[in-house]
Each structure stands twice: as C-alpha cells, then as structure tokens.
Amino acid sequence: MWALFKKEISGFFSSLTGYLVIVVFLLLNSLFMWIVPGQFNVIGNGYATMDSLFAIAPWVFLFLVPAITMRMFSEEKRSGTLDLLYTRPVSELQIILAKFLASWALVLFSLLPTLIYFLSVSRLGSPPGNMDIGGTWGSYIGLLFLGGIYAAIGIFASSLTGNQIVAFIIAVFLSFLMYLGFEFLSGIAESGSTVFMISRLGISYHYNSISRGVIDSRDMLYFAGVILLFIVGTRTVLQSSKW
C-alpha cells in the first residue's frame, strides 16, 4: 500500500500536476487576500485575521481537488492498468486508500505554505501577535478535513467513469452538493427542527463550527464518517465492475 502511495505522490511531482495545484491555490488566495480590493483584502479591512483564507480556500479546493483526483481510477480504466493493479499483493481497499491518502497529502502540501500568511497577519496585529490563534488552528484543521472529504468524493467520482473530464464534473457537483446543498435545502424546510437536522448534514455547518477554535468530537466524527462513506462507495463501484 505504501509503495503505491509513494508512487502516486511521485507521480504528482514528476509532472506539473502537483506543482500546478499548489501554485494555483497559493496564487488565488494571495490575490484575494493581499492585492484585489474587497471584503477579503486583509490590509484593506484593517483586521489581523485569517478569515479571508478560510472563506476563499473551500471554493478553490472545490475545483482543485477534483482536478487532482479525476485521473485516479478513470485513467486506470481507460488505459487498462486497473486489472494490473489487482495482480499486485495489495487488496482493493488498500489501492483505494493509497490513492485517497496521496490526494489528501497534496491538499496538506498546498496548505503548508499558507503558514507564511499566518506569520504575516500575526505581525500586522496591534500589538504584533494579537489574533485569534485558537480559531485559526481550528480553521486549518477544518480546511484539512474538508480537503479530505473532497478527495474522497473525487476518488469516488473517478471510479464511476473512464473519462477524466466526466469524473471532474461529477466530483465538483457532489462536492458542491455536500458543501452547500444541504444548507439550501434547510432554507426550504418549514420546521425549525427539520432545518437544524438538514443543515447538519452539510460540510459548511461542521466546517464553520470547527473554525471557531473548538474541536468538537461531533464535527470530527462527521468528517471521518463522510470520508468513510465515499471510500466504501468507491469500493462498491469497483467491485460491481467485476460482476
């Protein structure tokens, strides 16, 4: 499994894919945070906060993570190398986990350089260092797990088809549905308890919750549960192709 994980990671960085994802992620966030005037501009707003990054990043990841995962199984299906993978001494679940963890690792690699933003914003505070540290680290954890859910959805979408573009579109649609779809549905519901229950099914509710700096076990269980759901779904799709 780890050999396959390393192969996927090296595959990202032996081509432009890995570098492109990281550069695009950093470039888009930098433009909105430091250059483009508006509500996300840190200097223009005059507040030492990382809220801009954590508001923009989920939408950037919504497209970048599916771009990472779209080739994972669809390319294997198209080229006929998926059957070759099955001949290796790894289980089907280990193959899925290796591809998922490699995709999730690239999300982590793209987040690490943003620590420079954290240091910069911290120095801009008055006095320097005057910012919500707990909320910032909570948002980082939430963003990392949000990227994990997007990666699991992308792997699932890639297992459905041999066409990378179709896999990308499905992954973006499902990711958007999981992020904001339930929030839209809760706005339609009339009962207060129904609104609450539906909204809790969406990623945004738990992402916003953990961004307050409090690591709630219910939020962590939600993230882990959704990731597990799509990994099991991916395994079911791959097994069904053998029938």
C-alpha atoms as a PDB file:
ATOM      1  CA  MET A   1       0.000   0.000   0.000  1.00  0.00           C
ATOM      2  CA  TRP A   2       2.747   2.469   0.954  1.00  0.00           C
ATOM      3  CA  ALA A   3       4.638   1.671  -2.222  1.00  0.00           C
ATOM      4  CA  LEU A   4       1.528   2.639  -4.208  1.00  0.00           C
ATOM      5  CA  PHE A   5       1.094   5.754  -2.054  1.00  0.00           C
ATOM      6  CA  LYS A   6       4.686   6.818  -2.794  1.00  0.00           C
ATOM      7  CA  LYS A   7       4.150   6.070  -6.480  1.00  0.00           C
ATOM      8  CA  GLU A   8       1.096   8.344  -6.596  1.00  0.00           C
ATOM      9  CA  ILE A   9       2.913  11.136  -4.739  1.00  0.00           C
ATOM     10  CA  SER A  10       5.944  10.890  -7.034  1.00  0.00           C
ATOM     11  CA  GLY A  11       3.548  10.843  -9.987  1.00  0.00           C
ATOM     12  CA  PHE A  12       2.127  14.185  -8.864  1.00  0.00           C
ATOM     13  CA  PHE A  13       5.531  15.829  -8.603  1.00  0.00           C
ATOM     14  CA  SER A  14       7.177  14.152 -11.590  1.00  0.00           C
ATOM     15  CA  SER A  15       4.693  16.044 -13.751  1.00  0.00           C
ATOM     16  CA  LEU A  16       3.285  19.552 -13.439  1.00  0.00           C
ATOM     17  CA  THR A  17       0.145  18.403 -11.608  1.00  0.00           C
ATOM     18  CA  GLY A  18       1.377  18.695  -8.031  1.00  0.00           C
ATOM     19  CA  TYR A  19       3.242  21.952  -8.536  1.00  0.00           C
ATOM     20  CA  LEU A  20       0.374  23.474 -10.542  1.00  0.00           C
ATOM     21  CA  VAL A  21      -2.196  22.685  -7.850  1.00  0.00           C
ATOM     22  CA  ILE A  22      -0.061  24.255  -5.113  1.00  0.00           C
ATOM     23  CA  VAL A  23       0.843  27.337  -7.195  1.00  0.00           C
ATOM     24  CA  VAL A  24      -2.766  27.968  -8.313  1.00  0.00           C
ATOM     25  CA  PHE A  25      -4.051  27.552  -4.755  1.00  0.00           C
ATOM     26  CA  LEU A  26      -1.484  29.985  -3.336  1.00  0.00           C
ATOM     27  CA  LEU A  27      -1.853  32.443  -6.212  1.00  0.00           C
ATOM     28  CA  LEU A  28      -5.647  32.714  -5.985  1.00  0.00           C
ATOM     29  CA  ASN A  29      -5.618  33.100  -2.218  1.00  0.00           C
ATOM     30  CA  SER A  30      -2.775  35.642  -2.347  1.00  0.00           C
ATOM     31  CA  LEU A  31      -4.586  37.751  -4.931  1.00  0.00           C
ATOM     32  CA  PHE A  32      -7.775  37.985  -2.883  1.00  0.00           C
ATOM     33  CA  MET A  33      -6.038  38.389   0.476  1.00  0.00           C
ATOM     34  CA  TRP A  34      -3.382  40.946  -0.406  1.00  0.00           C
ATOM     35  CA  ILE A  35      -3.993  42.564  -3.811  1.00  0.00           C
ATOM     36  CA  VAL A  36      -7.610  42.607  -5.024  1.00  0.00           C
ATOM     37  CA  PRO A  37      -9.651  45.247  -3.145  1.00  0.00           C
ATOM     38  CA  GLY A  38     -12.749  43.933  -1.430  1.00  0.00           C
ATOM     39  CA  GLN A  39     -14.080  42.147   1.617  1.00  0.00           C
ATOM     40  CA  PHE A  40     -11.296  39.558   1.591  1.00  0.00           C
ATOM     41  CA  ASN A  41      -8.386  42.022   1.463  1.00  0.00           C
ATOM     42  CA  VAL A  42      -6.569  41.788   4.812  1.00  0.00           C
ATOM     43  CA  ILE A  43      -4.851  45.173   4.625  1.00  0.00           C
ATOM     44  CA  GLY A  44      -7.937  46.964   3.319  1.00  0.00           C
ATOM     45  CA  ASN A  45     -10.138  45.608   6.126  1.00  0.00           C
ATOM     46  CA  GLY A  46      -7.644  46.585   8.814  1.00  0.00           C
ATOM     47  CA  TYR A  47      -8.099  43.410  10.889  1.00  0.00           C
ATOM     48  CA  ALA A  48      -5.360  40.890  11.725  1.00  0.00           C
ATOM     49  CA  THR A  49      -7.358  37.769  10.843  1.00  0.00           C
ATOM     50  CA  MET A  50      -7.033  34.735   8.575  1.00  0.00           C
ATOM     51  CA  ASP A  51     -10.782  34.621   7.901  1.00  0.00           C
ATOM     52  CA  SER A  52     -10.228  35.588   4.263  1.00  0.00           C
ATOM     53  CA  LEU A  53      -8.139  32.483   3.581  1.00  0.00           C
ATOM     54  CA  PHE A  54     -10.653  30.184   5.257  1.00  0.00           C
ATOM     55  CA  ALA A  55     -13.543  31.750   3.335  1.00  0.00           C
ATOM     56  CA  ILE A  56     -11.825  31.500  -0.071  1.00  0.00           C
ATOM     57  CA  ALA A  57      -9.997  28.161   0.257  1.00  0.00           C
ATOM     58  CA  PRO A  58     -13.089  25.863   0.293  1.00  0.00           C
ATOM     59  CA  TRP A  59     -14.146  27.300  -3.080  1.00  0.00           C
ATOM     60  CA  VAL A  60     -10.658  26.988  -4.555  1.00  0.00           C
ATOM     61  CA  PHE A  61     -10.403  23.398  -3.316  1.00  0.00           C
ATOM     62  CA  LEU A  62     -13.847  22.727  -4.805  1.00  0.00           C
ATOM     63  CA  PHE A  63     -12.183  22.769  -8.242  1.00  0.00           C
ATOM     64  CA  LEU A  64      -8.558  21.918  -7.478  1.00  0.00           C
ATOM     65  CA  VAL A  65      -9.140  18.702  -5.522  1.00  0.00           C
ATOM     66  CA  PRO A  66     -11.359  17.150  -8.255  1.00  0.00           C
ATOM     67  CA  ALA A  67      -8.606  18.114 -10.713  1.00  0.00           C
ATOM     68  CA  ILE A  68      -6.174  16.071  -8.594  1.00  0.00           C
ATOM     69  CA  THR A  69      -8.412  13.028  -8.222  1.00  0.00           C
ATOM     70  CA  MET A  70     -10.075  12.859 -11.643  1.00  0.00           C
ATOM     71  CA  ARG A  71      -7.339  10.639 -13.097  1.00  0.00           C
ATOM     72  CA  MET A  72      -7.001   8.264 -10.135  1.00  0.00           C
ATOM     73  CA  PHE A  73      -9.252   5.467 -11.380  1.00  0.00           C
ATOM     74  CA  SER A  74     -10.591   6.866 -14.655  1.00  0.00           C
ATOM     75  CA  GLU A  75      -7.113   6.832 -16.190  1.00  0.00           C
ATOM     76  CA  GLU A  76      -6.507   3.313 -14.874  1.00  0.00           C
ATOM     77  CA  LYS A  77      -9.776   2.216 -16.505  1.00  0.00           C
ATOM     78  CA  ARG A  78      -9.054   3.969 -19.778  1.00  0.00           C
ATOM     79  CA  SER A  79      -5.535   2.553 -20.101  1.00  0.00           C
ATOM     80  CA  GLY A  80      -6.486  -0.902 -18.813  1.00  0.00           C
ATOM     81  CA  THR A  81      -3.943  -0.836 -15.959  1.00  0.00           C
ATOM     82  CA  LEU A  82      -6.553  -1.315 -13.237  1.00  0.00           C
ATOM     83  CA  ASP A  83      -6.506  -5.091 -13.760  1.00  0.00           C
ATOM     84  CA  LEU A  84      -2.718  -4.952 -13.458  1.00  0.00           C
ATOM     85  CA  LEU A  85      -3.061  -3.280 -10.063  1.00  0.00           C
ATOM     86  CA  TYR A  86      -5.264  -6.123  -8.879  1.00  0.00           C
ATOM     87  CA  THR A  87      -2.433  -8.585  -9.579  1.00  0.00           C
ATOM     88  CA  ARG A  88      -0.188  -6.861  -7.050  1.00  0.00           C
ATOM     89  CA  PRO A  89      -0.037  -8.067  -3.420  1.00  0.00           C
ATOM     90  CA  VAL A  90      -2.429  -5.356  -2.219  1.00  0.00           C
ATOM     91  CA  SER A  91      -6.132  -5.509  -1.551  1.00  0.00           C
ATOM     92  CA  GLU A  92      -8.723  -3.421  -3.332  1.00  0.00           C
ATOM     93  CA  LEU A  93      -9.251  -1.349  -0.191  1.00  0.00           C
ATOM     94  CA  GLN A  94      -5.510  -0.693   0.098  1.00  0.00           C
ATOM     95  CA  ILE A  95      -5.424   0.561  -3.504  1.00  0.00           C
ATOM     96  CA  ILE A  96      -8.286   2.963  -2.751  1.00  0.00           C
ATOM     97  CA  LEU A  97      -6.685   4.161   0.487  1.00  0.00           C
ATOM     98  CA  ALA A  98      -3.311   4.701  -1.192  1.00  0.00           C
ATOM     99  CA  LYS A  99      -4.865   6.890  -3.887  1.00  0.00           C
ATOM    100  CA  PHE A 100      -7.012   8.740  -1.354  1.00  0.00           C
ATOM    101  CA  LEU A 101      -4.137   9.411   1.040  1.00  0.00           C
ATOM    102  CA  ALA A 102      -1.907  10.599  -1.815  1.00  0.00           C
ATOM    103  CA  SER A 103      -4.593  13.078  -2.889  1.00  0.00           C
ATOM    104  CA  TRP A 104      -5.118  14.211   0.697  1.00  0.00           C
ATOM    105  CA  ALA A 105      -1.355  14.633   1.153  1.00  0.00           C
ATOM    106  CA  LEU A 106      -1.285  17.037  -1.791  1.00  0.00           C
ATOM    107  CA  VAL A 107      -4.010  19.077  -0.064  1.00  0.00           C
ATOM    108  CA  LEU A 108      -1.767  19.226   3.011  1.00  0.00           C
ATOM    109  CA  PHE A 109       1.246  20.257   0.920  1.00  0.00           C
ATOM    110  CA  SER A 110      -0.773  23.123  -0.571  1.00  0.00           C
ATOM    111  CA  LEU A 111      -1.770  24.333   2.912  1.00  0.00           C
ATOM    112  CA  LEU A 112       1.716  24.315   4.425  1.00  0.00           C
ATOM    113  CA  PRO A 113       2.995  27.418   2.542  1.00  0.00           C
ATOM    114  CA  THR A 114      -0.005  29.395   3.828  1.00  0.00           C
ATOM    115  CA  LEU A 115       1.681  29.393   7.242  1.00  0.00           C
ATOM    116  CA  ILE A 116       3.609  32.351   5.779  1.00  0.00           C
ATOM    117  CA  TYR A 117       0.266  34.173   5.625  1.00  0.00           C
ATOM    118  CA  PHE A 118      -0.311  33.280   9.274  1.00  0.00           C
ATOM    119  CA  LEU A 119       3.051  34.757  10.314  1.00  0.00           C
ATOM    120  CA  SER A 120       2.488  37.867   8.183  1.00  0.00           C
ATOM    121  CA  VAL A 121      -1.003  38.537   9.547  1.00  0.00           C
ATOM    122  CA  SER A 122       0.235  37.894  13.079  1.00  0.00           C
ATOM    123  CA  ARG A 123       2.923  40.561  12.652  1.00  0.00           C
ATOM    124  CA  LEU A 124       0.321  43.017  11.346  1.00  0.00           C
ATOM    125  CA  GLY A 125      -1.653  42.801  14.576  1.00  0.00           C
ATOM    126  CA  SER A 126      -1.598  45.596  17.141  1.00  0.00           C
ATOM    127  CA  PRO A 127       0.306  44.605  19.168  1.00  0.00           C
ATOM    128  CA  PRO A 128       2.042  42.002  16.955  1.00  0.00           C
ATOM    129  CA  GLY A 129       0.621  38.546  17.574  1.00  0.00           C
ATOM    130  CA  ASN A 130      -2.811  39.860  18.554  1.00  0.00           C
ATOM    131  CA  MET A 131      -5.067  37.443  16.659  1.00  0.00           C
ATOM    132  CA  ASP A 132      -7.393  34.535  17.342  1.00  0.00           C
ATOM    133  CA  ILE A 133      -4.876  31.677  17.456  1.00  0.00           C
ATOM    134  CA  GLY A 134      -7.429  29.033  18.510  1.00  0.00           C
ATOM    135  CA  GLY A 135      -9.852  29.947  15.743  1.00  0.00           C
ATOM    136  CA  THR A 136      -7.032  29.964  13.197  1.00  0.00           C
ATOM    137  CA  TRP A 137      -5.775  26.479  14.046  1.00  0.00           C
ATOM    138  CA  GLY A 138      -9.349  25.196  14.231  1.00  0.00           C
ATOM    139  CA  SER A 139      -9.959  26.560  10.734  1.00  0.00           C
ATOM    140  CA  TYR A 140      -6.793  24.890   9.470  1.00  0.00           C
ATOM    141  CA  ILE A 141      -7.964  21.546  10.860  1.00  0.00           C
ATOM    142  CA  GLY A 142     -11.405  22.073   9.345  1.00  0.00           C
ATOM    143  CA  LEU A 143      -9.908  23.003   5.981  1.00  0.00           C
ATOM    144  CA  LEU A 144      -7.670  19.934   6.010  1.00  0.00           C
ATOM    145  CA  PHE A 145     -10.619  17.624   6.684  1.00  0.00           C
ATOM    146  CA  LEU A 146     -12.749  19.461   4.136  1.00  0.00           C
ATOM    147  CA  GLY A 147      -9.995  18.730   1.602  1.00  0.00           C
ATOM    148  CA  GLY A 148     -10.126  15.100   2.749  1.00  0.00           C
ATOM    149  CA  ILE A 149     -13.849  14.916   2.017  1.00  0.00           C
ATOM    150  CA  TYR A 150     -13.325  16.494  -1.405  1.00  0.00           C
ATOM    151  CA  ALA A 151     -10.559  13.941  -2.084  1.00  0.00           C
ATOM    152  CA  ALA A 152     -12.804  11.021  -1.069  1.00  0.00           C
ATOM    153  CA  ILE A 153     -15.599  12.373  -3.284  1.00  0.00           C
ATOM    154  CA  GLY A 154     -13.134  12.810  -6.154  1.00  0.00           C
ATOM    155  CA  ILE A 155     -11.867   9.238  -5.816  1.00  0.00           C
ATOM    156  CA  PHE A 156     -15.467   8.006  -5.839  1.00  0.00           C
ATOM    157  CA  ALA A 157     -16.290  10.066  -8.948  1.00  0.00           C
ATOM    158  CA  SER A 158     -13.171   8.789 -10.708  1.00  0.00           C
ATOM    159  CA  SER A 159     -14.228   5.186 -10.066  1.00  0.00           C
ATOM    160  CA  LEU A 160     -17.545   5.776 -11.864  1.00  0.00           C
ATOM    161  CA  THR A 161     -16.138   6.516 -15.315  1.00  0.00           C
ATOM    162  CA  GLY A 162     -13.171   6.098 -17.620  1.00  0.00           C
ATOM    163  CA  ASN A 163     -13.391   9.729 -18.712  1.00  0.00           C
ATOM    164  CA  GLN A 164     -11.385  12.209 -16.622  1.00  0.00           C
ATOM    165  CA  ILE A 165     -13.488  15.238 -17.590  1.00  0.00           C
ATOM    166  CA  VAL A 166     -16.707  13.467 -16.615  1.00  0.00           C
ATOM    167  CA  ALA A 167     -15.077  12.419 -13.330  1.00  0.00           C
ATOM    168  CA  PHE A 168     -14.085  16.050 -12.694  1.00  0.00           C
ATOM    169  CA  ILE A 169     -17.618  17.352 -13.337  1.00  0.00           C
ATOM    170  CA  ILE A 170     -19.216  14.689 -11.112  1.00  0.00           C
ATOM    171  CA  ALA A 171     -16.731  15.416  -8.314  1.00  0.00           C
ATOM    172  CA  VAL A 172     -17.326  19.186  -8.466  1.00  0.00           C
ATOM    173  CA  PHE A 173     -21.101  18.672  -8.441  1.00  0.00           C
ATOM    174  CA  LEU A 174     -21.047  16.237  -5.491  1.00  0.00           C
ATOM    175  CA  SER A 175     -18.571  18.390  -3.551  1.00  0.00           C
ATOM    176  CA  PHE A 176     -20.727  21.481  -4.029  1.00  0.00           C
ATOM    177  CA  LEU A 177     -23.816  19.496  -3.030  1.00  0.00           C
ATOM    178  CA  MET A 178     -22.122  18.296   0.158  1.00  0.00           C
ATOM    179  CA  TYR A 179     -20.743  21.742   0.975  1.00  0.00           C
ATOM    180  CA  LEU A 180     -23.777  23.980   0.414  1.00  0.00           C
ATOM    181  CA  GLY A 181     -26.584  21.794  -0.946  1.00  0.00           C
ATOM    182  CA  PHE A 182     -27.980  20.831   2.445  1.00  0.00           C
ATOM    183  CA  GLU A 183     -27.836  24.453   3.585  1.00  0.00           C
ATOM    184  CA  PHE A 184     -30.024  25.413   0.611  1.00  0.00           C
ATOM    185  CA  LEU A 185     -32.434  22.580   1.432  1.00  0.00           C
ATOM    186  CA  SER A 186     -32.650  23.672   5.063  1.00  0.00           C
ATOM    187  CA  GLY A 187     -33.769  27.100   3.865  1.00  0.00           C
ATOM    188  CA  ILE A 188     -36.764  25.493   2.169  1.00  0.00           C
ATOM    189  CA  ALA A 189     -37.828  23.469   5.204  1.00  0.00           C
ATOM    190  CA  GLU A 190     -40.541  24.975   7.411  1.00  0.00           C
ATOM    191  CA  SER A 191     -39.988  23.203  10.724  1.00  0.00           C
ATOM    192  CA  GLY A 192     -37.192  24.563  12.914  1.00  0.00           C
ATOM    193  CA  SER A 193     -36.040  21.086  13.954  1.00  0.00           C
ATOM    194  CA  THR A 194     -36.017  19.957  10.313  1.00  0.00           C
ATOM    195  CA  VAL A 195     -33.918  22.978   9.323  1.00  0.00           C
ATOM    196  CA  PHE A 196     -31.422  22.131  12.060  1.00  0.00           C
ATOM    197  CA  MET A 197     -31.180  18.454  11.101  1.00  0.00           C
ATOM    198  CA  ILE A 198     -30.779  19.100   7.357  1.00  0.00           C
ATOM    199  CA  SER A 199     -28.162  21.829   7.846  1.00  0.00           C
ATOM    200  CA  ARG A 200     -26.062  19.481   9.994  1.00  0.00           C
ATOM    201  CA  LEU A 201     -25.771  17.083   7.059  1.00  0.00           C
ATOM    202  CA  GLY A 202     -23.739  19.650   5.102  1.00  0.00           C
ATOM    203  CA  ILE A 203     -19.992  20.245   5.271  1.00  0.00           C
ATOM    204  CA  SER A 204     -20.332  24.005   5.773  1.00  0.00           C
ATOM    205  CA  TYR A 205     -22.103  23.596   9.129  1.00  0.00           C
ATOM    206  CA  HIS A 206     -19.296  21.493  10.603  1.00  0.00           C
ATOM    207  CA  TYR A 207     -16.553  23.497   8.895  1.00  0.00           C
ATOM    208  CA  ASN A 208     -17.908  26.727  10.367  1.00  0.00           C
ATOM    209  CA  SER A 209     -18.306  25.029  13.738  1.00  0.00           C
ATOM    210  CA  ILE A 210     -14.711  23.848  13.964  1.00  0.00           C
ATOM    211  CA  SER A 211     -13.477  27.223  12.659  1.00  0.00           C
ATOM    212  CA  ARG A 212     -14.490  28.766  15.984  1.00  0.00           C
ATOM    213  CA  GLY A 213     -11.469  27.055  17.526  1.00  0.00           C
ATOM    214  CA  VAL A 214     -13.357  24.353  19.448  1.00  0.00           C
ATOM    215  CA  ILE A 215     -12.571  20.805  18.327  1.00  0.00           C
ATOM    216  CA  ASP A 216     -15.931  19.098  18.779  1.00  0.00           C
ATOM    217  CA  SER A 217     -15.994  15.301  18.534  1.00  0.00           C
ATOM    218  CA  ARG A 218     -19.281  15.517  16.599  1.00  0.00           C
ATOM    219  CA  ASP A 219     -17.596  17.553  13.866  1.00  0.00           C
ATOM    220  CA  MET A 220     -14.649  15.155  13.707  1.00  0.00           C
ATOM    221  CA  LEU A 221     -16.990  12.154  13.524  1.00  0.00           C
ATOM    222  CA  TYR A 222     -18.890  13.845  10.700  1.00  0.00           C
ATOM    223  CA  PHE A 223     -15.728  14.422   8.653  1.00  0.00           C
ATOM    224  CA  ALA A 224     -14.491  10.873   9.282  1.00  0.00           C
ATOM    225  CA  GLY A 225     -17.934   9.423   8.510  1.00  0.00           C
ATOM    226  CA  VAL A 226     -18.327  11.208   5.167  1.00  0.00           C
ATOM    227  CA  ILE A 227     -14.806  10.227   4.098  1.00  0.00           C
ATOM    228  CA  LEU A 228     -15.526   6.608   5.055  1.00  0.00           C
ATOM    229  CA  LEU A 229     -18.873   6.716   3.213  1.00  0.00           C
ATOM    230  CA  PHE A 230     -17.276   7.697  -0.102  1.00  0.00           C
ATOM    231  CA  ILE A 231     -14.378   5.268   0.323  1.00  0.00           C
ATOM    232  CA  VAL A 232     -16.880   2.441   0.860  1.00  0.00           C
ATOM    233  CA  GLY A 233     -18.836   3.755  -2.137  1.00  0.00           C
ATOM    234  CA  THR A 234     -15.682   3.636  -4.257  1.00  0.00           C
ATOM    235  CA  ARG A 235     -15.013   0.048  -3.211  1.00  0.00           C
ATOM    236  CA  THR A 236     -18.610  -0.909  -4.041  1.00  0.00           C
ATOM    237  CA  VAL A 237     -18.322   0.637  -7.528  1.00  0.00           C
ATOM    238  CA  LEU A 238     -15.042  -1.157  -8.245  1.00  0.00           C
ATOM    239  CA  GLN A 239     -16.425  -4.470  -7.017  1.00  0.00           C
ATOM    240  CA  SER A 240     -19.562  -4.073  -9.118  1.00  0.00           C
ATOM    241  CA  SER A 241     -17.420  -3.735 -12.264  1.00  0.00           C
ATOM    242  CA  LYS A 242     -16.216  -7.303 -11.707  1.00  0.00           C
ATOM    243  CA  TRP A 243     -19.727  -8.775 -11.728  1.00  0.00           C
END
